[in-house]
Amino acid sequence: MQRLDGGSAVPSPLRGAIVALGNFDGFHLGHQAVVGRAVERARAEGRPAIVATFDPHPRRFFQPDAPPFRLTTLDQRERLFAAAGAAGMLVFHFDATLARLTARQFAEQLVDTAGAAGVVTGEDFTFGKGREGTVAMLAALGAELGFTAETVAPVTLDGETVSSSRIRALLQAGDPRGAALLLTRPFAIAAEVEGGAKLGRQLGYPTANMRVGKYLRPRYGIYAVRGRLADGRVLNGVANLGIRPSFDPPVELLESFFFDFSGDLYGQTVEVELIEYLRPEAKFNSLETLTAQMDLDAAQARTLLSPLP
C-alpha cells in the first residue's frame, strides 16, 4: 500500500487505476461496498485499485469550530484500505485551493494527477465548489475526459441506511456493539500513551493514558476494551473514557487498564477498541468506594471479554 499526495502525480505503476472516491470516514459497510467494487473492477481489468480520500474532512474545513467527529485517522484508514485490496491511498488535502475547484476542475485533476481510468463512488457523492458536482455530472465528465464512472447503492442494515452519522449516534448513545455491526469491527481510538499522575497505580490499576484528540467523543463512561499494541499483542481490559469526576482538575482521557499485563507503554501508540459500555462515569466520596467499584468493573469486563467455553 502506497500513501499518495493528491497534489502530485501518481507514480506510473499506479496510473490507469480504478479509483474509489469518497471521505470513507469509519470505512463502514457502505464504504466497503464502494471500495470492494473498485477492487473487483480493477482486478477484472488488470488495473491497480486506489482509494481516494480527503484530509482534513471537508466538514472540518467548512466548520472549523464543530465538535470532534472523526471515526478513523488516516493511518487507520490506510490499514483498512490495504486489507480491502487497494494498492494505494490517494489523499487530497482539503484546503481553500481544493474547495475552490469546480466540478470540472476536480474531474480533470483525477485524470491529470491519478490518471484514473475509472471512478467508483456512492450514490450520494458530491464534489466541486459548492458541491455542484453530482454523480450524473461525474459520469458526463468521465465520458468527456476518458474515464468511466460507476455508483454503488447504499447498504442497509435492519431497514436503515448504514452511514457514518448513524455510527456516531450509536457511539454517543453508549452502544459500541451497535456501532461495530455497521463498522464490521469495534470502534477504536489510536493514540500515544502519555505519562500521568499515576493515580491508577496507587489504586492497584495502572492505566495507559491517551488523549482522544480529533476522534468523536463516544458516551463518557466505563468500557470493556481490547488494546492492540505496536508489537501485535492484543490485551483485554477495562477503561474509563471521560473527565474522571473523582479527581481534580478534570482532564479528558481514555485510561485503559489491561488485564495480566506489566510493562511500560509510555510513548507507544496503542489502539483501544471499545467493546461494551458498562456504566456512566460517577463521582465517589472516597478512594475505597472508587476502588471497590473498579474491582466490580474489571470483573464484569473480564467476563464479557472471556472466550466462550
C-alpha atoms as a PDB file:
ATOM      1  CA  MET A   1       0.000   0.000   0.000  1.00  0.00           C
ATOM      2  CA  GLN A   2       1.364   3.394  -1.002  1.00  0.00           C
ATOM      3  CA  ARG A   3       0.132   6.654   0.530  1.00  0.00           C
ATOM      4  CA  LEU A   4      -0.054   9.224  -2.257  1.00  0.00           C
ATOM      5  CA  ASP A   5      -0.374  13.001  -2.208  1.00  0.00           C
ATOM      6  CA  GLY A   6      -3.411  14.216  -4.148  1.00  0.00           C
ATOM      7  CA  GLY A   7      -1.441  17.269  -5.229  1.00  0.00           C
ATOM      8  CA  SER A   8       1.260  15.273  -7.017  1.00  0.00           C
ATOM      9  CA  ALA A   9       1.243  12.922  -9.976  1.00  0.00           C
ATOM     10  CA  VAL A  10       0.629   9.287  -9.099  1.00  0.00           C
ATOM     11  CA  PRO A  11       3.646   7.030  -9.877  1.00  0.00           C
ATOM     12  CA  SER A  12       3.400   5.324 -13.250  1.00  0.00           C
ATOM     13  CA  PRO A  13       2.775   1.791 -11.866  1.00  0.00           C
ATOM     14  CA  LEU A  14      -0.427   3.067 -10.255  1.00  0.00           C
ATOM     15  CA  ARG A  15      -1.682   5.214 -13.121  1.00  0.00           C
ATOM     16  CA  GLY A  16      -4.697   3.984 -15.025  1.00  0.00           C
ATOM     17  CA  ALA A  17      -6.250   2.852 -11.749  1.00  0.00           C
ATOM     18  CA  ILE A  18      -9.830   2.296 -10.766  1.00  0.00           C
ATOM     19  CA  VAL A  19     -10.356   4.911  -8.060  1.00  0.00           C
ATOM     20  CA  ALA A  20     -12.820   4.561  -5.176  1.00  0.00           C
ATOM     21  CA  LEU A  21     -13.666   8.162  -4.298  1.00  0.00           C
ATOM     22  CA  GLY A  22     -15.178   9.437  -1.049  1.00  0.00           C
ATOM     23  CA  ASN A  23     -14.474  10.535   2.512  1.00  0.00           C
ATOM     24  CA  PHE A  24     -14.725   6.970   3.842  1.00  0.00           C
ATOM     25  CA  ASP A  25     -14.553   8.099   7.485  1.00  0.00           C
ATOM     26  CA  GLY A  26     -15.138   4.975   9.519  1.00  0.00           C
ATOM     27  CA  PHE A  27     -14.897   2.687   6.489  1.00  0.00           C
ATOM     28  CA  HIS A  28     -18.238   1.094   7.341  1.00  0.00           C
ATOM     29  CA  LEU A  29     -20.293  -1.419   5.348  1.00  0.00           C
ATOM     30  CA  GLY A  30     -21.345   1.188   2.791  1.00  0.00           C
ATOM     31  CA  HIS A  31     -17.787   2.397   2.240  1.00  0.00           C
ATOM     32  CA  GLN A  32     -16.592  -1.190   1.999  1.00  0.00           C
ATOM     33  CA  ALA A  33     -19.101  -1.819  -0.784  1.00  0.00           C
ATOM     34  CA  VAL A  34     -17.728   1.124  -2.807  1.00  0.00           C
ATOM     35  CA  VAL A  35     -14.092   0.130  -2.327  1.00  0.00           C
ATOM     36  CA  GLY A  36     -14.930  -3.529  -2.888  1.00  0.00           C
ATOM     37  CA  ARG A  37     -16.497  -2.698  -6.243  1.00  0.00           C
ATOM     38  CA  ALA A  38     -13.447  -0.651  -7.266  1.00  0.00           C
ATOM     39  CA  VAL A  39     -11.107  -3.507  -6.305  1.00  0.00           C
ATOM     40  CA  GLU A  40     -13.304  -6.012  -8.150  1.00  0.00           C
ATOM     41  CA  ARG A  41     -13.253  -3.920 -11.318  1.00  0.00           C
ATOM     42  CA  ALA A  42      -9.522  -3.290 -11.049  1.00  0.00           C
ATOM     43  CA  ARG A  43      -8.771  -6.990 -10.808  1.00  0.00           C
ATOM     44  CA  ALA A  44     -11.082  -7.828 -13.692  1.00  0.00           C
ATOM     45  CA  GLU A  45      -9.405  -5.204 -15.896  1.00  0.00           C
ATOM     46  CA  GLY A  46      -5.847  -5.881 -14.752  1.00  0.00           C
ATOM     47  CA  ARG A  47      -5.504  -2.441 -13.197  1.00  0.00           C
ATOM     48  CA  PRO A  48      -4.428  -1.171  -9.769  1.00  0.00           C
ATOM     49  CA  ALA A  49      -7.075  -0.025  -7.296  1.00  0.00           C
ATOM     50  CA  ILE A  50      -6.691   3.259  -5.437  1.00  0.00           C
ATOM     51  CA  VAL A  51      -8.837   4.686  -2.668  1.00  0.00           C
ATOM     52  CA  ALA A  52      -9.033   8.495  -2.763  1.00  0.00           C
ATOM     53  CA  THR A  53      -9.963  10.268   0.451  1.00  0.00           C
ATOM     54  CA  PHE A  54      -9.834  13.773   1.904  1.00  0.00           C
ATOM     55  CA  ASP A  55      -7.919  15.154   4.865  1.00  0.00           C
ATOM     56  CA  PRO A  56      -8.976  17.094   6.765  1.00  0.00           C
ATOM     57  CA  HIS A  57     -12.595  16.095   6.352  1.00  0.00           C
ATOM     58  CA  PRO A  58     -14.418  18.785   4.310  1.00  0.00           C
ATOM     59  CA  ARG A  59     -16.727  19.405   7.258  1.00  0.00           C
ATOM     60  CA  ARG A  60     -13.733  20.377   9.391  1.00  0.00           C
ATOM     61  CA  PHE A  61     -12.643  22.883   6.724  1.00  0.00           C
ATOM     62  CA  PHE A  62     -16.073  24.496   6.392  1.00  0.00           C
ATOM     63  CA  GLN A  63     -16.979  24.200  10.095  1.00  0.00           C
ATOM     64  CA  PRO A  64     -13.667  24.601  11.955  1.00  0.00           C
ATOM     65  CA  ASP A  65     -15.414  25.015  15.314  1.00  0.00           C
ATOM     66  CA  ALA A  66     -17.514  21.848  15.018  1.00  0.00           C
ATOM     67  CA  PRO A  67     -17.038  19.344  17.860  1.00  0.00           C
ATOM     68  CA  PRO A  68     -14.724  16.392  17.095  1.00  0.00           C
ATOM     69  CA  PHE A  69     -16.428  13.831  14.856  1.00  0.00           C
ATOM     70  CA  ARG A  70     -13.787  11.657  13.208  1.00  0.00           C
ATOM     71  CA  LEU A  71     -14.192   7.877  13.369  1.00  0.00           C
ATOM     72  CA  THR A  72     -10.803   6.981  11.889  1.00  0.00           C
ATOM     73  CA  THR A  73      -7.382   8.530  11.423  1.00  0.00           C
ATOM     74  CA  LEU A  74      -5.547   8.442   8.108  1.00  0.00           C
ATOM     75  CA  ASP A  75      -3.276   5.707   9.473  1.00  0.00           C
ATOM     76  CA  GLN A  76      -6.263   3.573  10.423  1.00  0.00           C
ATOM     77  CA  ARG A  77      -7.884   4.117   7.023  1.00  0.00           C
ATOM     78  CA  GLU A  78      -4.664   3.202   5.264  1.00  0.00           C
ATOM     79  CA  ARG A  79      -4.569  -0.164   7.032  1.00  0.00           C
ATOM     80  CA  LEU A  80      -8.241  -0.799   6.304  1.00  0.00           C
ATOM     81  CA  PHE A  81      -7.921   0.122   2.622  1.00  0.00           C
ATOM     82  CA  ALA A  82      -4.893  -2.132   2.258  1.00  0.00           C
ATOM     83  CA  ALA A  83      -6.776  -5.028   3.847  1.00  0.00           C
ATOM     84  CA  ALA A  84      -9.601  -4.421   1.354  1.00  0.00           C
ATOM     85  CA  GLY A  85      -7.198  -4.927  -1.554  1.00  0.00           C
ATOM     86  CA  ALA A  86      -6.249  -1.385  -2.569  1.00  0.00           C
ATOM     87  CA  ALA A  87      -2.739  -0.732  -3.839  1.00  0.00           C
ATOM     88  CA  GLY A  88      -2.702   2.929  -2.889  1.00  0.00           C
ATOM     89  CA  MET A  89      -4.410   5.598  -0.810  1.00  0.00           C
ATOM     90  CA  LEU A  90      -4.627   8.970  -2.549  1.00  0.00           C
ATOM     91  CA  VAL A  91      -5.038  11.787  -0.010  1.00  0.00           C
ATOM     92  CA  PHE A  92      -6.458  15.075  -1.235  1.00  0.00           C
ATOM     93  CA  HIS A  93      -5.557  17.820   1.225  1.00  0.00           C
ATOM     94  CA  PHE A  94      -8.820  19.701   1.679  1.00  0.00           C
ATOM     95  CA  ASP A  95      -7.886  23.372   1.811  1.00  0.00           C
ATOM     96  CA  ALA A  96      -9.092  26.636   0.270  1.00  0.00           C
ATOM     97  CA  THR A  97      -7.479  25.761  -3.060  1.00  0.00           C
ATOM     98  CA  LEU A  98      -9.268  22.427  -3.322  1.00  0.00           C
ATOM     99  CA  ALA A  99     -12.531  23.960  -2.105  1.00  0.00           C
ATOM    100  CA  ARG A 100     -12.416  26.483  -4.974  1.00  0.00           C
ATOM    101  CA  LEU A 101     -12.123  23.850  -7.695  1.00  0.00           C
ATOM    102  CA  THR A 102     -15.182  23.499  -9.890  1.00  0.00           C
ATOM    103  CA  ALA A 103     -16.603  20.051 -10.532  1.00  0.00           C
ATOM    104  CA  ARG A 104     -14.908  20.007 -13.929  1.00  0.00           C
ATOM    105  CA  GLN A 105     -11.565  21.084 -12.494  1.00  0.00           C
ATOM    106  CA  PHE A 106     -11.685  18.352  -9.876  1.00  0.00           C
ATOM    107  CA  ALA A 107     -12.560  15.745 -12.505  1.00  0.00           C
ATOM    108  CA  GLU A 108      -9.623  16.976 -14.589  1.00  0.00           C
ATOM    109  CA  GLN A 109      -7.379  16.588 -11.553  1.00  0.00           C
ATOM    110  CA  LEU A 110      -8.456  12.965 -11.230  1.00  0.00           C
ATOM    111  CA  VAL A 111      -7.217  12.412 -14.770  1.00  0.00           C
ATOM    112  CA  ASP A 112      -4.093  14.569 -14.602  1.00  0.00           C
ATOM    113  CA  THR A 113      -2.956  13.559 -11.108  1.00  0.00           C
ATOM    114  CA  ALA A 114      -4.188   9.981 -10.792  1.00  0.00           C
ATOM    115  CA  GLY A 115      -4.578   9.001 -14.419  1.00  0.00           C
ATOM    116  CA  ALA A 116      -7.898   7.490 -13.385  1.00  0.00           C
ATOM    117  CA  ALA A 117      -9.392   5.007 -15.832  1.00  0.00           C
ATOM    118  CA  GLY A 118     -12.491   4.539 -13.718  1.00  0.00           C
ATOM    119  CA  VAL A 119     -14.113   6.102 -10.659  1.00  0.00           C
ATOM    120  CA  VAL A 120     -16.464   4.389  -8.213  1.00  0.00           C
ATOM    121  CA  THR A 121     -18.494   6.393  -5.683  1.00  0.00           C
ATOM    122  CA  GLY A 122     -21.546   6.120  -3.511  1.00  0.00           C
ATOM    123  CA  GLU A 123     -24.815   7.400  -4.972  1.00  0.00           C
ATOM    124  CA  ASP A 124     -24.817  10.466  -2.694  1.00  0.00           C
ATOM    125  CA  PHE A 125     -21.306  11.639  -3.564  1.00  0.00           C
ATOM    126  CA  THR A 126     -20.930  15.340  -4.409  1.00  0.00           C
ATOM    127  CA  PHE A 127     -17.828  17.282  -5.404  1.00  0.00           C
ATOM    128  CA  GLY A 128     -16.578  20.627  -6.632  1.00  0.00           C
ATOM    129  CA  LYS A 129     -17.164  24.175  -5.435  1.00  0.00           C
ATOM    130  CA  GLY A 130     -20.475  24.496  -3.618  1.00  0.00           C
ATOM    131  CA  ARG A 131     -20.970  20.716  -4.026  1.00  0.00           C
ATOM    132  CA  GLU A 132     -22.135  21.406  -7.576  1.00  0.00           C
ATOM    133  CA  GLY A 133     -20.942  18.056  -8.888  1.00  0.00           C
ATOM    134  CA  THR A 134     -23.343  15.124  -8.780  1.00  0.00           C
ATOM    135  CA  VAL A 135     -22.751  11.521  -9.763  1.00  0.00           C
ATOM    136  CA  ALA A 136     -24.581  12.217 -13.031  1.00  0.00           C
ATOM    137  CA  MET A 137     -22.193  15.100 -13.731  1.00  0.00           C
ATOM    138  CA  LEU A 138     -19.239  12.886 -12.845  1.00  0.00           C
ATOM    139  CA  ALA A 139     -20.390  10.321 -15.408  1.00  0.00           C
ATOM    140  CA  ALA A 140     -20.791  13.006 -18.073  1.00  0.00           C
ATOM    141  CA  LEU A 141     -17.357  14.465 -17.315  1.00  0.00           C
ATOM    142  CA  GLY A 142     -15.857  10.998 -17.357  1.00  0.00           C
ATOM    143  CA  ALA A 143     -17.268  10.304 -20.813  1.00  0.00           C
ATOM    144  CA  GLU A 144     -15.654  13.517 -21.988  1.00  0.00           C
ATOM    145  CA  LEU A 145     -12.328  13.147 -20.174  1.00  0.00           C
ATOM    146  CA  GLY A 146     -11.797   9.445 -20.697  1.00  0.00           C
ATOM    147  CA  PHE A 147     -12.790   7.617 -17.516  1.00  0.00           C
ATOM    148  CA  THR A 148     -15.813   5.569 -16.573  1.00  0.00           C
ATOM    149  CA  ALA A 149     -17.936   6.463 -13.559  1.00  0.00           C
ATOM    150  CA  GLU A 150     -19.946   3.993 -11.545  1.00  0.00           C
ATOM    151  CA  THR A 151     -22.043   4.331  -8.394  1.00  0.00           C
ATOM    152  CA  VAL A 152     -22.785   1.827  -5.650  1.00  0.00           C
ATOM    153  CA  ALA A 153     -26.152   1.815  -3.914  1.00  0.00           C
ATOM    154  CA  PRO A 154     -26.358   2.478  -0.163  1.00  0.00           C
ATOM    155  CA  VAL A 155     -26.060  -0.526   2.117  1.00  0.00           C
ATOM    156  CA  THR A 156     -28.867  -1.059   4.606  1.00  0.00           C
ATOM    157  CA  LEU A 157     -28.932  -2.943   7.875  1.00  0.00           C
ATOM    158  CA  ASP A 158     -32.099  -3.527   9.881  1.00  0.00           C
ATOM    159  CA  GLY A 159     -34.003  -1.439   7.369  1.00  0.00           C
ATOM    160  CA  GLU A 160     -31.823   1.670   7.737  1.00  0.00           C
ATOM    161  CA  THR A 161     -29.010   3.003   5.600  1.00  0.00           C
ATOM    162  CA  VAL A 162     -25.551   2.424   7.023  1.00  0.00           C
ATOM    163  CA  SER A 163     -23.875   5.818   7.487  1.00  0.00           C
ATOM    164  CA  SER A 164     -21.151   7.482   9.494  1.00  0.00           C
ATOM    165  CA  SER A 165     -23.756   9.703  11.174  1.00  0.00           C
ATOM    166  CA  ARG A 166     -25.691   6.610  12.317  1.00  0.00           C
ATOM    167  CA  ILE A 167     -22.495   5.152  13.765  1.00  0.00           C
ATOM    168  CA  ARG A 168     -21.696   8.406  15.571  1.00  0.00           C
ATOM    169  CA  ALA A 169     -25.178   8.444  17.100  1.00  0.00           C
ATOM    170  CA  LEU A 170     -24.771   4.870  18.372  1.00  0.00           C
ATOM    171  CA  LEU A 171     -21.402   5.654  19.957  1.00  0.00           C
ATOM    172  CA  GLN A 172     -22.737   8.800  21.585  1.00  0.00           C
ATOM    173  CA  ALA A 173     -25.612   6.734  22.968  1.00  0.00           C
ATOM    174  CA  GLY A 174     -23.181   4.258  24.548  1.00  0.00           C
ATOM    175  CA  ASP A 175     -23.836   1.427  22.095  1.00  0.00           C
ATOM    176  CA  PRO A 176     -20.411   0.349  20.779  1.00  0.00           C
ATOM    177  CA  ARG A 177     -21.718  -3.088  19.808  1.00  0.00           C
ATOM    178  CA  GLY A 178     -24.349  -1.497  17.591  1.00  0.00           C
ATOM    179  CA  ALA A 179     -21.686   0.678  16.000  1.00  0.00           C
ATOM    180  CA  ALA A 180     -19.441  -2.357  15.484  1.00  0.00           C
ATOM    181  CA  LEU A 181     -22.159  -4.089  13.456  1.00  0.00           C
ATOM    182  CA  LEU A 182     -22.105  -1.204  10.964  1.00  0.00           C
ATOM    183  CA  LEU A 183     -18.320  -0.852  11.007  1.00  0.00           C
ATOM    184  CA  THR A 184     -17.744  -4.639  10.868  1.00  0.00           C
ATOM    185  CA  ARG A 185     -15.227  -4.146  13.696  1.00  0.00           C
ATOM    186  CA  PRO A 186     -15.125  -2.295  17.024  1.00  0.00           C
ATOM    187  CA  PHE A 187     -14.676   1.471  17.025  1.00  0.00           C
ATOM    188  CA  ALA A 188     -11.058   2.081  18.033  1.00  0.00           C
ATOM    189  CA  ILE A 189      -9.068   5.044  19.316  1.00  0.00           C
ATOM    190  CA  ALA A 190      -5.358   5.003  18.467  1.00  0.00           C
ATOM    191  CA  ALA A 191      -3.033   7.404  20.267  1.00  0.00           C
ATOM    192  CA  GLU A 192       0.285   7.653  22.045  1.00  0.00           C
ATOM    193  CA  VAL A 193       0.336   6.617  25.687  1.00  0.00           C
ATOM    194  CA  GLU A 194       1.239   9.570  27.913  1.00  0.00           C
ATOM    195  CA  GLY A 195       2.642   9.804  31.404  1.00  0.00           C
ATOM    196  CA  GLY A 196       0.186  10.850  34.090  1.00  0.00           C
ATOM    197  CA  ALA A 197      -0.171  11.391  37.811  1.00  0.00           C
ATOM    198  CA  LYS A 198      -0.061   7.600  38.362  1.00  0.00           C
ATOM    199  CA  LEU A 199      -3.296   7.721  40.370  1.00  0.00           C
ATOM    200  CA  GLY A 200      -4.394   4.395  38.909  1.00  0.00           C
ATOM    201  CA  ARG A 201      -1.145   2.770  40.001  1.00  0.00           C
ATOM    202  CA  GLN A 202      -1.789   3.911  43.574  1.00  0.00           C
ATOM    203  CA  LEU A 203      -5.193   2.188  43.434  1.00  0.00           C
ATOM    204  CA  GLY A 204      -3.787  -1.025  42.001  1.00  0.00           C
ATOM    205  CA  TYR A 205      -4.962  -0.207  38.472  1.00  0.00           C
ATOM    206  CA  PRO A 206      -2.065   1.185  36.437  1.00  0.00           C
ATOM    207  CA  THR A 207      -3.520   2.672  33.277  1.00  0.00           C
ATOM    208  CA  ALA A 208      -2.374   3.597  29.791  1.00  0.00           C
ATOM    209  CA  ASN A 209      -3.491   7.207  29.415  1.00  0.00           C
ATOM    210  CA  MET A 210      -4.354   8.564  25.976  1.00  0.00           C
ATOM    211  CA  ARG A 211      -5.773  11.794  24.598  1.00  0.00           C
ATOM    212  CA  VAL A 212      -8.886  11.368  22.457  1.00  0.00           C
ATOM    213  CA  GLY A 213      -7.722  14.041  20.009  1.00  0.00           C
ATOM    214  CA  LYS A 214      -9.860  14.578  16.913  1.00  0.00           C
ATOM    215  CA  TYR A 215     -11.963  11.456  17.408  1.00  0.00           C
ATOM    216  CA  LEU A 216     -15.674  11.627  18.019  1.00  0.00           C
ATOM    217  CA  ARG A 217     -16.450  11.558  21.743  1.00  0.00           C
ATOM    218  CA  PRO A 218     -18.423   8.411  22.494  1.00  0.00           C
ATOM    219  CA  ARG A 219     -20.567   8.485  25.622  1.00  0.00           C
ATOM    220  CA  TYR A 220     -18.394   9.057  28.660  1.00  0.00           C
ATOM    221  CA  GLY A 221     -18.172   6.105  30.968  1.00  0.00           C
ATOM    222  CA  ILE A 222     -16.557   2.768  31.706  1.00  0.00           C
ATOM    223  CA  TYR A 223     -15.952   0.300  28.868  1.00  0.00           C
ATOM    224  CA  ALA A 224     -14.750  -3.252  28.379  1.00  0.00           C
ATOM    225  CA  VAL A 225     -11.924  -2.796  25.864  1.00  0.00           C
ATOM    226  CA  ARG A 226      -9.273  -4.553  23.816  1.00  0.00           C
ATOM    227  CA  GLY A 227      -5.882  -2.977  23.326  1.00  0.00           C
ATOM    228  CA  ARG A 228      -3.722  -3.642  20.294  1.00  0.00           C
ATOM    229  CA  LEU A 229      -0.059  -2.952  20.995  1.00  0.00           C
ATOM    230  CA  ALA A 230       2.595  -1.950  18.486  1.00  0.00           C
ATOM    231  CA  ASP A 231       4.203  -5.398  18.771  1.00  0.00           C
ATOM    232  CA  GLY A 232       0.972  -7.136  17.767  1.00  0.00           C
ATOM    233  CA  ARG A 233      -0.171  -8.263  21.199  1.00  0.00           C
ATOM    234  CA  VAL A 234      -3.897  -7.999  21.941  1.00  0.00           C
ATOM    235  CA  LEU A 235      -4.899  -7.361  25.553  1.00  0.00           C
ATOM    236  CA  ASN A 236      -8.286  -7.373  27.232  1.00  0.00           C
ATOM    237  CA  GLY A 237      -9.017  -4.618  29.686  1.00  0.00           C
ATOM    238  CA  VAL A 238     -11.334  -2.050  31.210  1.00  0.00           C
ATOM    239  CA  ALA A 239     -11.182   1.671  30.503  1.00  0.00           C
ATOM    240  CA  ASN A 240     -12.533   4.989  31.677  1.00  0.00           C
ATOM    241  CA  LEU A 241     -13.374   7.444  28.916  1.00  0.00           C
ATOM    242  CA  GLY A 242     -14.172  10.881  30.243  1.00  0.00           C
ATOM    243  CA  ILE A 243     -13.053  13.527  32.703  1.00  0.00           C
ATOM    244  CA  ARG A 244     -12.518  11.461  35.893  1.00  0.00           C
ATOM    245  CA  PRO A 245     -15.027  13.278  38.131  1.00  0.00           C
ATOM    246  CA  SER A 246     -13.486  11.839  41.313  1.00  0.00           C
ATOM    247  CA  PHE A 247     -10.260  13.783  40.704  1.00  0.00           C
ATOM    248  CA  ASP A 248      -9.382  17.444  40.331  1.00  0.00           C
ATOM    249  CA  PRO A 249      -8.782  19.067  37.986  1.00  0.00           C
ATOM    250  CA  PRO A 250     -10.990  17.276  35.433  1.00  0.00           C
ATOM    251  CA  VAL A 251      -8.933  16.042  32.474  1.00  0.00           C
ATOM    252  CA  GLU A 252     -10.410  14.287  29.447  1.00  0.00           C
ATOM    253  CA  LEU A 253      -8.604  10.981  28.904  1.00  0.00           C
ATOM    254  CA  LEU A 254      -9.057   7.419  27.769  1.00  0.00           C
ATOM    255  CA  GLU A 255      -7.477   5.447  30.641  1.00  0.00           C
ATOM    256  CA  SER A 256      -7.127   1.728  29.962  1.00  0.00           C
ATOM    257  CA  PHE A 257      -6.169  -0.945  32.478  1.00  0.00           C
ATOM    258  CA  PHE A 258      -5.047  -4.092  30.662  1.00  0.00           C
ATOM    259  CA  PHE A 259      -5.503  -7.390  32.497  1.00  0.00           C
ATOM    260  CA  ASP A 260      -2.491  -9.555  33.275  1.00  0.00           C
ATOM    261  CA  PHE A 261      -0.055  -7.079  31.740  1.00  0.00           C
ATOM    262  CA  SER A 262       3.025  -5.492  33.195  1.00  0.00           C
ATOM    263  CA  GLY A 263       5.250  -3.266  31.149  1.00  0.00           C
ATOM    264  CA  ASP A 264       5.989   0.273  30.083  1.00  0.00           C
ATOM    265  CA  LEU A 265       3.769   1.597  27.285  1.00  0.00           C
ATOM    266  CA  TYR A 266       4.789   5.252  27.564  1.00  0.00           C
ATOM    267  CA  GLY A 267       5.461   6.771  24.179  1.00  0.00           C
ATOM    268  CA  GLN A 268       3.954   3.823  22.306  1.00  0.00           C
ATOM    269  CA  THR A 269       0.911   4.062  20.066  1.00  0.00           C
ATOM    270  CA  VAL A 270      -1.850   1.776  21.281  1.00  0.00           C
ATOM    271  CA  GLU A 271      -5.184   1.176  19.589  1.00  0.00           C
ATOM    272  CA  VAL A 272      -8.021   0.705  22.074  1.00  0.00           C
ATOM    273  CA  GLU A 273     -11.236  -0.904  20.850  1.00  0.00           C
ATOM    274  CA  LEU A 274     -14.440  -0.076  22.715  1.00  0.00           C
ATOM    275  CA  ILE A 275     -16.272  -3.390  23.079  1.00  0.00           C
ATOM    276  CA  GLU A 276     -19.041  -2.856  25.646  1.00  0.00           C
ATOM    277  CA  TYR A 277     -20.360   0.084  27.635  1.00  0.00           C
ATOM    278  CA  LEU A 278     -20.551  -0.827  31.320  1.00  0.00           C
ATOM    279  CA  ARG A 279     -21.755   2.270  33.153  1.00  0.00           C
ATOM    280  CA  PRO A 280     -21.608   6.078  33.196  1.00  0.00           C
ATOM    281  CA  GLU A 281     -18.834   7.978  34.935  1.00  0.00           C
ATOM    282  CA  ALA A 282     -19.556   8.683  38.610  1.00  0.00           C
ATOM    283  CA  LYS A 283     -18.003  10.675  41.426  1.00  0.00           C
ATOM    284  CA  PHE A 284     -17.032   8.706  44.523  1.00  0.00           C
ATOM    285  CA  ASN A 285     -16.642  10.150  48.009  1.00  0.00           C
ATOM    286  CA  SER A 286     -13.623   8.056  48.909  1.00  0.00           C
ATOM    287  CA  LEU A 287     -10.834   6.113  47.269  1.00  0.00           C
ATOM    288  CA  GLU A 288     -12.119   2.972  48.975  1.00  0.00           C
ATOM    289  CA  THR A 289     -15.530   3.151  47.305  1.00  0.00           C
ATOM    290  CA  LEU A 290     -13.883   4.044  43.982  1.00  0.00           C
ATOM    291  CA  THR A 291     -11.550   1.049  44.231  1.00  0.00           C
ATOM    292  CA  ALA A 292     -14.423  -1.261  45.133  1.00  0.00           C
ATOM    293  CA  GLN A 293     -16.330  -0.125  42.045  1.00  0.00           C
ATOM    294  CA  MET A 294     -13.245  -0.534  39.878  1.00  0.00           C
ATOM    295  CA  ASP A 295     -12.965  -4.116  41.123  1.00  0.00           C
ATOM    296  CA  LEU A 296     -16.547  -4.733  40.020  1.00  0.00           C
ATOM    297  CA  ASP A 297     -15.965  -3.052  36.645  1.00  0.00           C
ATOM    298  CA  ALA A 298     -12.847  -5.115  35.990  1.00  0.00           C
ATOM    299  CA  ALA A 299     -14.617  -8.355  36.913  1.00  0.00           C
ATOM    300  CA  GLN A 300     -17.537  -7.530  34.608  1.00  0.00           C
ATOM    301  CA  ALA A 301     -15.191  -6.644  31.746  1.00  0.00           C
ATOM    302  CA  ARG A 302     -13.229  -9.877  32.209  1.00  0.00           C
ATOM    303  CA  THR A 303     -16.422 -11.889  31.986  1.00  0.00           C
ATOM    304  CA  LEU A 304     -17.641 -10.056  28.885  1.00  0.00           C
ATOM    305  CA  LEU A 305     -14.317 -10.420  27.097  1.00  0.00           C
ATOM    306  CA  SER A 306     -13.617 -14.017  28.066  1.00  0.00           C
ATOM    307  CA  PRO A 307     -13.875 -16.531  25.208  1.00  0.00           C
ATOM    308  CA  LEU A 308     -16.961 -18.718  25.217  1.00  0.00           C
ATOM    309  CA  PRO A 309     -16.367 -22.253  26.598  1.00  0.00           C
END
